[in-house]
Amino acid sequence: GDDARRFIEGEGPHEGAEGRLLRLWINAERAAWIQN
């Protein structure tokens, strides 16, 4: 379960899935807004 938590939330200098995908979604939202 701790491995799963680290995978999602990250730990120390390692970015988890949440942080990584949040950046990707924000970049996509900005690109989509401009394109629309």
Full PDB file with SEQRES, HELIX, SHEET, SSBOND, CRYST1, ORIGX, SCALE, CONECT and MASTER records, all heavy atoms in Angstrom:
SEQRES   1 A   36  GLY ASP ASP ALA ARG ARG PHE ILE GLU GLY GLU GLY PRO          
SEQRES   2 A   36  HIS GLU GLY ALA GLU GLY ARG LEU LEU ARG LEU TRP ILE          
SEQRES   3 A   36  ASN ALA GLU ARG ALA ALA TRP ILE GLN ASN                      
HELIX    1 AA1 ASP A    2  GLU A    9  1                                   8    
HELIX    2 AA2 ALA A   17  GLN A   35  1                                  19    
SHEET    1 AA1 2 GLY A  10  GLU A  11  0                                        
SHEET    2 AA1 2 HIS A  14  GLU A  15 -1                                        
CRYST1    1.000    1.000    1.000  90.00  90.00  90.00 P 1           1          
ORIGX1      1.000000  0.000000  0.000000        0.00000                         
ORIGX2      0.000000  1.000000  0.000000        0.00000                         
ORIGX3      0.000000  0.000000  1.000000        0.00000                         
SCALE1      1.000000  0.000000  0.000000        0.00000                         
SCALE2      0.000000  1.000000  0.000000        0.00000                         
SCALE3      0.000000  0.000000  1.000000        0.00000                         
ATOM      1  N   GLY A   1       0.809  -1.205   0.000  1.00  0.00           N  
ATOM      2  CA  GLY A   1       0.000   0.000   0.000  1.00  0.00           C  
ATOM      3  C   GLY A   1       0.844   1.258   0.000  1.00  0.00           C  
ATOM      4  O   GLY A   1       0.487   2.261  -0.636  1.00  0.00           O  
ATOM      5  N   ASP A   2       1.986   1.238   0.690  1.00  0.00           N  
ATOM      6  CA  ASP A   2       2.888   2.392   0.683  1.00  0.00           C  
ATOM      7  C   ASP A   2       3.466   2.626  -0.706  1.00  0.00           C  
ATOM      8  O   ASP A   2       3.655   3.775  -1.132  1.00  0.00           O  
ATOM      9  CB  ASP A   2       4.017   2.187   1.694  1.00  0.00           C  
ATOM     10  CG  ASP A   2       3.585   2.469   3.122  1.00  0.00           C  
ATOM     11  OD1 ASP A   2       2.554   3.159   3.294  1.00  0.00           O  
ATOM     12  OD2 ASP A   2       4.263   2.006   4.048  1.00  0.00           O  
ATOM     13  N   ASP A   3       3.760   1.541  -1.424  1.00  0.00           N  
ATOM     14  CA  ASP A   3       4.241   1.680  -2.804  1.00  0.00           C  
ATOM     15  C   ASP A   3       3.175   2.362  -3.672  1.00  0.00           C  
ATOM     16  O   ASP A   3       3.488   3.226  -4.495  1.00  0.00           O  
ATOM     17  CB  ASP A   3       4.593   0.313  -3.396  1.00  0.00           C  
ATOM     18  CG  ASP A   3       5.801  -0.324  -2.722  1.00  0.00           C  
ATOM     19  OD1 ASP A   3       6.724   0.426  -2.355  1.00  0.00           O  
ATOM     20  OD2 ASP A   3       5.807  -1.554  -2.570  1.00  0.00           O  
ATOM     21  N   ALA A   4       1.916   1.958  -3.481  1.00  0.00           N  
ATOM     22  CA  ALA A   4       0.820   2.558  -4.239  1.00  0.00           C  
ATOM     23  C   ALA A   4       0.682   4.039  -3.909  1.00  0.00           C  
ATOM     24  O   ALA A   4       0.462   4.875  -4.794  1.00  0.00           O  
ATOM     25  CB  ALA A   4      -0.480   1.822  -3.955  1.00  0.00           C  
ATOM     26  N   ARG A   5       0.806   4.373  -2.624  1.00  0.00           N  
ATOM     27  CA  ARG A   5       0.715   5.777  -2.218  1.00  0.00           C  
ATOM     28  C   ARG A   5       1.841   6.590  -2.855  1.00  0.00           C  
ATOM     29  O   ARG A   5       1.616   7.691  -3.362  1.00  0.00           O  
ATOM     30  CB  ARG A   5       0.769   5.890  -0.700  1.00  0.00           C  
ATOM     31  CG  ARG A   5       0.732   7.343  -0.188  1.00  0.00           C  
ATOM     32  CD  ARG A   5       1.007   7.420   1.290  1.00  0.00           C  
ATOM     33  NE  ARG A   5       2.303   6.856   1.637  1.00  0.00           N  
ATOM     34  CZ  ARG A   5       3.458   7.488   1.446  1.00  0.00           C  
ATOM     35  NH1 ARG A   5       3.493   8.697   0.889  1.00  0.00           N  
ATOM     36  NH2 ARG A   5       4.600   6.904   1.793  1.00  0.00           N  
ATOM     37  N   ARG A   6       3.084   6.058  -2.811  1.00  0.00           N  
ATOM     38  CA  ARG A   6       4.212   6.776  -3.419  1.00  0.00           C  
ATOM     39  C   ARG A   6       4.026   6.924  -4.926  1.00  0.00           C  
ATOM     40  O   ARG A   6       4.402   7.940  -5.515  1.00  0.00           O  
ATOM     41  CB  ARG A   6       5.530   6.053  -3.103  1.00  0.00           C  
ATOM     42  CG  ARG A   6       6.025   6.249  -1.678  1.00  0.00           C  
ATOM     43  CD  ARG A   6       7.449   5.727  -1.517  1.00  0.00           C  
ATOM     44  NE  ARG A   6       7.496   4.272  -1.580  1.00  0.00           N  
ATOM     45  CZ  ARG A   6       7.386   3.480  -0.522  1.00  0.00           C  
ATOM     46  NH1 ARG A   6       7.206   4.008   0.680  1.00  0.00           N  
ATOM     47  NH2 ARG A   6       7.449   2.166  -0.651  1.00  0.00           N  
ATOM     48  N   PHE A   7       3.457   5.891  -5.539  1.00  0.00           N  
ATOM     49  CA  PHE A   7       3.214   5.949  -6.989  1.00  0.00           C  
ATOM     50  C   PHE A   7       2.280   7.116  -7.315  1.00  0.00           C  
ATOM     51  O   PHE A   7       2.507   7.863  -8.273  1.00  0.00           O  
ATOM     52  CB  PHE A   7       2.602   4.632  -7.449  1.00  0.00           C  
ATOM     53  CG  PHE A   7       2.168   4.621  -8.893  1.00  0.00           C  
ATOM     54  CD1 PHE A   7       3.085   4.436  -9.909  1.00  0.00           C  
ATOM     55  CD2 PHE A   7       0.832   4.802  -9.232  1.00  0.00           C  
ATOM     56  CE1 PHE A   7       2.687   4.432 -11.244  1.00  0.00           C  
ATOM     57  CE2 PHE A   7       0.421   4.799 -10.554  1.00  0.00           C  
ATOM     58  CZ  PHE A   7       1.357   4.612 -11.561  1.00  0.00           C  
ATOM     59  N   ILE A   8       1.219   7.288  -6.546  1.00  0.00           N  
ATOM     60  CA  ILE A   8       0.245   8.350  -6.800  1.00  0.00           C  
ATOM     61  C   ILE A   8       0.745   9.708  -6.323  1.00  0.00           C  
ATOM     62  O   ILE A   8       0.700  10.704  -7.049  1.00  0.00           O  
ATOM     63  CB  ILE A   8      -1.099   8.018  -6.130  1.00  0.00           C  
ATOM     64  CG1 ILE A   8      -1.775   6.835  -6.828  1.00  0.00           C  
ATOM     65  CG2 ILE A   8      -2.031   9.239  -6.160  1.00  0.00           C  
ATOM     66  CD1 ILE A   8      -2.198   7.113  -8.254  1.00  0.00           C  
ATOM     67  N   GLU A   9       1.216   9.777  -5.097  1.00  0.00           N  
ATOM     68  CA  GLU A   9       1.517  11.072  -4.489  1.00  0.00           C  
ATOM     69  C   GLU A   9       2.970  11.488  -4.627  1.00  0.00           C  
ATOM     70  O   GLU A   9       3.302  12.666  -4.456  1.00  0.00           O  
ATOM     71  CB  GLU A   9       1.140  11.021  -2.999  1.00  0.00           C  
ATOM     72  CG  GLU A   9      -0.337  10.721  -2.765  1.00  0.00           C  
ATOM     73  CD  GLU A   9      -0.667  10.519  -1.298  1.00  0.00           C  
ATOM     74  OE1 GLU A   9       0.265  10.641  -0.453  1.00  0.00           O  
ATOM     75  OE2 GLU A   9      -1.847  10.252  -0.976  1.00  0.00           O  
ATOM     76  N   GLY A  10       3.870  10.539  -4.911  1.00  0.00           N  
ATOM     77  CA  GLY A  10       5.284  10.850  -4.959  1.00  0.00           C  
ATOM     78  C   GLY A  10       5.875  10.899  -3.558  1.00  0.00           C  
ATOM     79  O   GLY A  10       5.172  10.824  -2.552  1.00  0.00           O  
ATOM     80  N   GLU A  11       7.185  11.044  -3.495  1.00  0.00           N  
ATOM     81  CA  GLU A  11       7.858  11.121  -2.201  1.00  0.00           C  
ATOM     82  C   GLU A  11       9.213  11.756  -2.389  1.00  0.00           C  
ATOM     83  O   GLU A  11       9.964  11.393  -3.310  1.00  0.00           O  
ATOM     84  CB  GLU A  11       7.993   9.728  -1.589  1.00  0.00           C  
ATOM     85  CG  GLU A  11       8.475   9.736  -0.139  1.00  0.00           C  
ATOM     86  CD  GLU A  11       8.334   8.371   0.505  1.00  0.00           C  
ATOM     87  OE1 GLU A  11       9.242   7.531   0.302  1.00  0.00           O  
ATOM     88  OE2 GLU A  11       7.331   8.151   1.202  1.00  0.00           O  
ATOM     89  N   GLY A  12       9.535  12.707  -1.512  1.00  0.00           N  
ATOM     90  CA  GLY A  12      10.812  13.392  -1.629  1.00  0.00           C  
ATOM     91  C   GLY A  12      10.938  14.091  -2.972  1.00  0.00           C  
ATOM     92  O   GLY A  12      10.018  14.786  -3.401  1.00  0.00           O  
ATOM     93  N   PRO A  13      12.070  13.884  -3.665  1.00  0.00           N  
ATOM     94  CA  PRO A  13      12.265  14.561  -4.960  1.00  0.00           C  
ATOM     95  C   PRO A  13      11.496  13.895  -6.110  1.00  0.00           C  
ATOM     96  O   PRO A  13      11.485  14.413  -7.228  1.00  0.00           O  
ATOM     97  CB  PRO A  13      13.777  14.440  -5.191  1.00  0.00           C  
ATOM     98  CG  PRO A  13      14.144  13.162  -4.505  1.00  0.00           C  
ATOM     99  CD  PRO A  13      13.253  13.083  -3.284  1.00  0.00           C  
ATOM    100  N   HIS A  14      10.893  12.748  -5.851  1.00  0.00           N  
ATOM    101  CA  HIS A  14      10.225  12.015  -6.922  1.00  0.00           C  
ATOM    102  C   HIS A  14       8.761  12.460  -7.055  1.00  0.00           C  
ATOM    103  O   HIS A  14       8.001  12.399  -6.092  1.00  0.00           O  
ATOM    104  CB  HIS A  14      10.287  10.508  -6.648  1.00  0.00           C  
ATOM    105  CG  HIS A  14      11.674   9.983  -6.508  1.00  0.00           C  
ATOM    106  ND1 HIS A  14      12.610  10.077  -7.512  1.00  0.00           N  
ATOM    107  CD2 HIS A  14      12.307   9.370  -5.462  1.00  0.00           C  
ATOM    108  CE1 HIS A  14      13.749   9.536  -7.119  1.00  0.00           C  
ATOM    109  NE2 HIS A  14      13.595   9.104  -5.874  1.00  0.00           N  
ATOM    110  N   GLU A  15       8.393  12.884  -8.234  1.00  0.00           N  
ATOM    111  CA  GLU A  15       7.027  13.327  -8.499  1.00  0.00           C  
ATOM    112  C   GLU A  15       6.128  12.125  -8.718  1.00  0.00           C  
ATOM    113  O   GLU A  15       6.476  11.199  -9.447  1.00  0.00           O  
ATOM    114  CB  GLU A  15       6.999  14.223  -9.738  1.00  0.00           C  
ATOM    115  CG  GLU A  15       5.644  14.830 -10.027  1.00  0.00           C  
ATOM    116  CD  GLU A  15       5.685  15.739 -11.234  1.00  0.00           C  
ATOM    117  OE1 GLU A  15       6.386  15.390 -12.212  1.00  0.00           O  
ATOM    118  OE2 GLU A  15       5.032  16.796 -11.212  1.00  0.00           O  
ATOM    119  N   GLY A  16       4.957  12.127  -8.104  1.00  0.00           N  
ATOM    120  CA  GLY A  16       4.003  11.054  -8.287  1.00  0.00           C  
ATOM    121  C   GLY A  16       3.137  11.267  -9.514  1.00  0.00           C  
ATOM    122  O   GLY A  16       3.243  12.273 -10.227  1.00  0.00           O  
ATOM    123  N   ALA A  17       2.256  10.285  -9.753  1.00  0.00           N  
ATOM    124  CA  ALA A  17       1.373  10.361 -10.915  1.00  0.00           C  
ATOM    125  C   ALA A  17       0.490  11.598 -10.869  1.00  0.00           C  
ATOM    126  O   ALA A  17       0.231  12.227 -11.894  1.00  0.00           O  
ATOM    127  CB  ALA A  17       0.518   9.098 -10.992  1.00  0.00           C  
ATOM    128  N   GLU A  18       0.015  11.955  -9.668  1.00  0.00           N  
ATOM    129  CA  GLU A  18      -0.844  13.135  -9.550  1.00  0.00           C  
ATOM    130  C   GLU A  18      -0.156  14.390 -10.054  1.00  0.00           C  
ATOM    131  O   GLU A  18      -0.692  15.129 -10.881  1.00  0.00           O  
ATOM    132  CB  GLU A  18      -1.250  13.342  -8.088  1.00  0.00           C  
ATOM    133  CG  GLU A  18      -2.407  12.494  -7.644  1.00  0.00           C  
ATOM    134  CD  GLU A  18      -2.894  12.910  -6.267  1.00  0.00           C  
ATOM    135  OE1 GLU A  18      -2.072  13.077  -5.365  1.00  0.00           O  
ATOM    136  OE2 GLU A  18      -4.107  13.075  -6.116  1.00  0.00           O  
ATOM    137  N   GLY A  19       1.029  14.661  -9.548  1.00  0.00           N  
ATOM    138  CA  GLY A  19       1.731  15.880  -9.927  1.00  0.00           C  
ATOM    139  C   GLY A  19       2.092  15.908 -11.394  1.00  0.00           C  
ATOM    140  O   GLY A  19       1.962  16.940 -12.065  1.00  0.00           O  
ATOM    141  N   ARG A  20       2.537  14.767 -11.889  1.00  0.00           N  
ATOM    142  CA  ARG A  20       2.937  14.691 -13.292  1.00  0.00           C  
ATOM    143  C   ARG A  20       1.753  14.928 -14.221  1.00  0.00           C  
ATOM    144  O   ARG A  20       1.819  15.743 -15.154  1.00  0.00           O  
ATOM    145  CB  ARG A  20       3.573  13.333 -13.564  1.00  0.00           C  
ATOM    146  CG  ARG A  20       3.968  13.116 -15.017  1.00  0.00           C  
ATOM    147  CD  ARG A  20       4.518  11.720 -15.190  1.00  0.00           C  
ATOM    148  NE  ARG A  20       4.725  11.400 -16.592  1.00  0.00           N  
ATOM    149  CZ  ARG A  20       5.000  10.183 -17.030  1.00  0.00           C  
ATOM    150  NH1 ARG A  20       5.126   9.185 -16.183  1.00  0.00           N  
ATOM    151  NH2 ARG A  20       5.180   9.958 -18.326  1.00  0.00           N  
ATOM    152  N   LEU A  21       0.655  14.235 -13.960  1.00  0.00           N  
ATOM    153  CA  LEU A  21      -0.504  14.378 -14.840  1.00  0.00           C  
ATOM    154  C   LEU A  21      -1.175  15.731 -14.690  1.00  0.00           C  
ATOM    155  O   LEU A  21      -1.757  16.248 -15.649  1.00  0.00           O  
ATOM    156  CB  LEU A  21      -1.504  13.258 -14.579  1.00  0.00           C  
ATOM    157  CG  LEU A  21      -1.067  11.864 -15.047  1.00  0.00           C  
ATOM    158  CD1 LEU A  21      -2.144  10.834 -14.732  1.00  0.00           C  
ATOM    159  CD2 LEU A  21      -0.754  11.854 -16.525  1.00  0.00           C  
ATOM    160  N   LEU A  22      -1.117  16.321 -13.507  1.00  0.00           N  
ATOM    161  CA  LEU A  22      -1.695  17.654 -13.337  1.00  0.00           C  
ATOM    162  C   LEU A  22      -1.005  18.644 -14.262  1.00  0.00           C  
ATOM    163  O   LEU A  22      -1.657  19.461 -14.926  1.00  0.00           O  
ATOM    164  CB  LEU A  22      -1.570  18.107 -11.882  1.00  0.00           C  
ATOM    165  CG  LEU A  22      -2.084  19.529 -11.594  1.00  0.00           C  
ATOM    166  CD1 LEU A  22      -3.554  19.664 -11.982  1.00  0.00           C  
ATOM    167  CD2 LEU A  22      -1.873  19.894 -10.139  1.00  0.00           C  
ATOM    168  N   ARG A  23       0.330  18.590 -14.331  1.00  0.00           N  
ATOM    169  CA  ARG A  23       1.051  19.483 -15.246  1.00  0.00           C  
ATOM    170  C   ARG A  23       0.651  19.231 -16.689  1.00  0.00           C  
ATOM    171  O   ARG A  23       0.468  20.167 -17.479  1.00  0.00           O  
ATOM    172  CB  ARG A  23       2.559  19.296 -15.087  1.00  0.00           C  
ATOM    173  CG  ARG A  23       3.127  19.787 -13.769  1.00  0.00           C  
ATOM    174  CD  ARG A  23       4.646  19.713 -13.738  1.00  0.00           C  
ATOM    175  NE  ARG A  23       5.145  18.344 -13.851  1.00  0.00           N  
ATOM    176  CZ  ARG A  23       5.627  17.811 -14.957  1.00  0.00           C  
ATOM    177  NH1 ARG A  23       5.651  18.501 -16.080  1.00  0.00           N  
ATOM    178  NH2 ARG A  23       6.077  16.569 -14.967  1.00  0.00           N  
ATOM    179  N   LEU A  24       0.524  17.964 -17.044  1.00  0.00           N  
ATOM    180  CA  LEU A  24       0.161  17.626 -18.420  1.00  0.00           C  
ATOM    181  C   LEU A  24      -1.246  18.099 -18.761  1.00  0.00           C  
ATOM    182  O   LEU A  24      -1.505  18.609 -19.859  1.00  0.00           O  
ATOM    183  CB  LEU A  24       0.271  16.115 -18.622  1.00  0.00           C  
ATOM    184  CG  LEU A  24       1.680  15.518 -18.534  1.00  0.00           C  
ATOM    185  CD1 LEU A  24       1.630  14.001 -18.631  1.00  0.00           C  
ATOM    186  CD2 LEU A  24       2.569  16.096 -19.616  1.00  0.00           C  
ATOM    187  N   TRP A  25      -2.176  17.924 -17.824  1.00  0.00           N  
ATOM    188  CA  TRP A  25      -3.556  18.370 -18.072  1.00  0.00           C  
ATOM    189  C   TRP A  25      -3.619  19.898 -18.191  1.00  0.00           C  
ATOM    190  O   TRP A  25      -4.357  20.431 -19.029  1.00  0.00           O  
ATOM    191  CB  TRP A  25      -4.466  17.890 -16.946  1.00  0.00           C  
ATOM    192  CG  TRP A  25      -5.032  16.524 -17.156  1.00  0.00           C  
ATOM    193  CD1 TRP A  25      -4.516  15.337 -16.740  1.00  0.00           C  
ATOM    194  CD2 TRP A  25      -6.238  16.202 -17.854  1.00  0.00           C  
ATOM    195  NE1 TRP A  25      -5.322  14.295 -17.129  1.00  0.00           N  
ATOM    196  CE2 TRP A  25      -6.386  14.795 -17.804  1.00  0.00           C  
ATOM    197  CE3 TRP A  25      -7.215  16.960 -18.495  1.00  0.00           C  
ATOM    198  CZ2 TRP A  25      -7.464  14.140 -18.395  1.00  0.00           C  
ATOM    199  CZ3 TRP A  25      -8.299  16.295 -19.082  1.00  0.00           C  
ATOM    200  CH2 TRP A  25      -8.407  14.904 -19.026  1.00  0.00           C  
ATOM    201  N   ILE A  26      -2.895  20.612 -17.345  1.00  0.00           N  
ATOM    202  CA  ILE A  26      -2.911  22.072 -17.430  1.00  0.00           C  
ATOM    203  C   ILE A  26      -2.365  22.537 -18.774  1.00  0.00           C  
ATOM    204  O   ILE A  26      -2.934  23.427 -19.429  1.00  0.00           O  
ATOM    205  CB  ILE A  26      -2.110  22.689 -16.268  1.00  0.00           C  
ATOM    206  CG1 ILE A  26      -2.848  22.460 -14.937  1.00  0.00           C  
ATOM    207  CG2 ILE A  26      -1.883  24.190 -16.491  1.00  0.00           C  
ATOM    208  CD1 ILE A  26      -2.071  22.900 -13.719  1.00  0.00           C  
ATOM    209  N   ASN A  27      -1.264  21.938 -19.220  1.00  0.00           N  
ATOM    210  CA  ASN A  27      -0.722  22.293 -20.540  1.00  0.00           C  
ATOM    211  C   ASN A  27      -1.728  22.001 -21.642  1.00  0.00           C  
ATOM    212  O   ASN A  27      -1.870  22.764 -22.604  1.00  0.00           O  
ATOM    213  CB  ASN A  27       0.575  21.519 -20.791  1.00  0.00           C  
ATOM    214  CG  ASN A  27       1.747  22.083 -20.017  1.00  0.00           C  
ATOM    215  OD1 ASN A  27       1.657  23.165 -19.451  1.00  0.00           O  
ATOM    216  ND2 ASN A  27       2.840  21.349 -19.965  1.00  0.00           N  
ATOM    217  N   ALA A  28      -2.438  20.894 -21.502  1.00  0.00           N  
ATOM    218  CA  ALA A  28      -3.425  20.526 -22.513  1.00  0.00           C  
ATOM    219  C   ALA A  28      -4.613  21.483 -22.497  1.00  0.00           C  
ATOM    220  O   ALA A  28      -5.147  21.851 -23.544  1.00  0.00           O  
ATOM    221  CB  ALA A  28      -3.898  19.099 -22.280  1.00  0.00           C  
ATOM    222  N   GLU A  29      -5.039  21.875 -21.296  1.00  0.00           N  
ATOM    223  CA  GLU A  29      -6.147  22.826 -21.201  1.00  0.00           C  
ATOM    224  C   GLU A  29      -5.782  24.144 -21.880  1.00  0.00           C  
ATOM    225  O   GLU A  29      -6.597  24.741 -22.588  1.00  0.00           O  
ATOM    226  CB  GLU A  29      -6.498  23.074 -19.731  1.00  0.00           C  
ATOM    227  CG  GLU A  29      -7.213  21.917 -19.050  1.00  0.00           C  
ATOM    228  CD  GLU A  29      -8.594  21.688 -19.618  1.00  0.00           C  
ATOM    229  OE1 GLU A  29      -9.439  22.620 -19.570  1.00  0.00           O  
ATOM    230  OE2 GLU A  29      -8.854  20.587 -20.110  1.00  0.00           O  
ATOM    231  N   ARG A  30      -4.584  24.609 -21.648  1.00  0.00           N  
ATOM    232  CA  ARG A  30      -4.162  25.869 -22.275  1.00  0.00           C  
ATOM    233  C   ARG A  30      -4.099  25.731 -23.800  1.00  0.00           C  
ATOM    234  O   ARG A  30      -4.538  26.615 -24.533  1.00  0.00           O  
ATOM    235  CB  ARG A  30      -2.805  26.300 -21.727  1.00  0.00           C  
ATOM    236  CG  ARG A  30      -2.830  26.631 -20.247  1.00  0.00           C  
ATOM    237  CD  ARG A  30      -1.561  27.355 -19.800  1.00  0.00           C  
ATOM    238  NE  ARG A  30      -1.530  27.522 -18.352  1.00  0.00           N  
ATOM    239  CZ  ARG A  30      -2.261  28.414 -17.672  1.00  0.00           C  
ATOM    240  NH1 ARG A  30      -3.074  29.217 -18.327  1.00  0.00           N  
ATOM    241  NH2 ARG A  30      -2.169  28.492 -16.367  1.00  0.00           N  
ATOM    242  N   ALA A  31      -3.554  24.613 -24.263  1.00  0.00           N  
ATOM    243  CA  ALA A  31      -3.488  24.392 -25.710  1.00  0.00           C  
ATOM    244  C   ALA A  31      -4.882  24.291 -26.311  1.00  0.00           C  
ATOM    245  O   ALA A  31      -5.141  24.823 -27.397  1.00  0.00           O  
ATOM    246  CB  ALA A  31      -2.689  23.119 -26.002  1.00  0.00           C  
ATOM    247  N   ALA A  32      -5.797  23.617 -25.606  1.00  0.00           N  
ATOM    248  CA  ALA A  32      -7.162  23.463 -26.109  1.00  0.00           C  
ATOM    249  C   ALA A  32      -7.895  24.799 -26.118  1.00  0.00           C  
ATOM    250  O   ALA A  32      -8.659  25.101 -27.051  1.00  0.00           O  
ATOM    251  CB  ALA A  32      -7.924  22.444 -25.260  1.00  0.00           C  
ATOM    252  N   TRP A  33      -7.684  25.617 -25.082  1.00  0.00           N  
ATOM    253  CA  TRP A  33      -8.345  26.928 -25.038  1.00  0.00           C  
ATOM    254  C   TRP A  33      -7.905  27.792 -26.222  1.00  0.00           C  
ATOM    255  O   TRP A  33      -8.736  28.418 -26.889  1.00  0.00           O  
ATOM    256  CB  TRP A  33      -8.018  27.634 -23.724  1.00  0.00           C  
ATOM    257  CG  TRP A  33      -8.610  29.010 -23.645  1.00  0.00           C  
ATOM    258  CD1 TRP A  33      -8.009  30.193 -23.961  1.00  0.00           C  
ATOM    259  CD2 TRP A  33      -9.960  29.340 -23.276  1.00  0.00           C  
ATOM    260  NE1 TRP A  33      -8.873  31.233 -23.805  1.00  0.00           N  
ATOM    261  CE2 TRP A  33     -10.078  30.750 -23.378  1.00  0.00           C  
ATOM    262  CE3 TRP A  33     -11.051  28.590 -22.854  1.00  0.00           C  
ATOM    263  CZ2 TRP A  33     -11.269  31.417 -23.073  1.00  0.00           C  
ATOM    264  CZ3 TRP A  33     -12.238  29.254 -22.550  1.00  0.00           C  
ATOM    265  CH2 TRP A  33     -12.339  30.642 -22.667  1.00  0.00           C  
ATOM    266  N   ILE A  34      -6.600  27.809 -26.471  1.00  0.00           N  
ATOM    267  CA  ILE A  34      -6.097  28.615 -27.588  1.00  0.00           C  
ATOM    268  C   ILE A  34      -6.636  28.088 -28.910  1.00  0.00           C  
ATOM    269  O   ILE A  34      -7.088  28.857 -29.771  1.00  0.00           O  
ATOM    270  CB  ILE A  34      -4.552  28.612 -27.588  1.00  0.00           C  
ATOM    271  CG1 ILE A  34      -4.029  29.319 -26.334  1.00  0.00           C  
ATOM    272  CG2 ILE A  34      -4.011  29.282 -28.845  1.00  0.00           C  
ATOM    273  CD1 ILE A  34      -2.535  29.171 -26.120  1.00  0.00           C  
ATOM    274  N   GLN A  35      -6.620  26.757 -29.082  1.00  0.00           N  
ATOM    275  CA  GLN A  35      -7.093  26.179 -30.343  1.00  0.00           C  
ATOM    276  C   GLN A  35      -8.584  26.433 -30.538  1.00  0.00           C  
ATOM    277  O   GLN A  35      -9.033  26.724 -31.656  1.00  0.00           O  
ATOM    278  CB  GLN A  35      -6.802  24.674 -30.362  1.00  0.00           C  
ATOM    279  CG  GLN A  35      -7.086  23.993 -31.677  1.00  0.00           C  
ATOM    280  CD  GLN A  35      -8.524  23.476 -31.772  1.00  0.00           C  
ATOM    281  OE1 GLN A  35      -9.232  23.387 -30.769  1.00  0.00           O  
ATOM    282  NE2 GLN A  35      -8.936  23.135 -32.974  1.00  0.00           N  
ATOM    283  N   ASN A  36      -9.384  26.335 -29.482  1.00  0.00           N  
ATOM    284  CA  ASN A  36     -10.823  26.571 -29.595  1.00  0.00           C  
ATOM    285  C   ASN A  36     -11.141  28.012 -29.959  1.00  0.00           C  
ATOM    286  O   ASN A  36     -12.163  28.294 -30.582  1.00  0.00           O  
ATOM    287  CB  ASN A  36     -11.521  26.220 -28.285  1.00  0.00           C  
ATOM    288  CG  ASN A  36     -11.943  24.762 -28.205  1.00  0.00           C  
ATOM    289  OD1 ASN A  36     -13.083  24.431 -27.887  1.00  0.00           O  
ATOM    290  ND2 ASN A  36     -11.011  23.860 -28.490  1.00  0.00           N  
TER     291      ASN A  36                                                      
MASTER        0    0    0    2    2    0    0    6  290    1    0    3          
END                                                                             
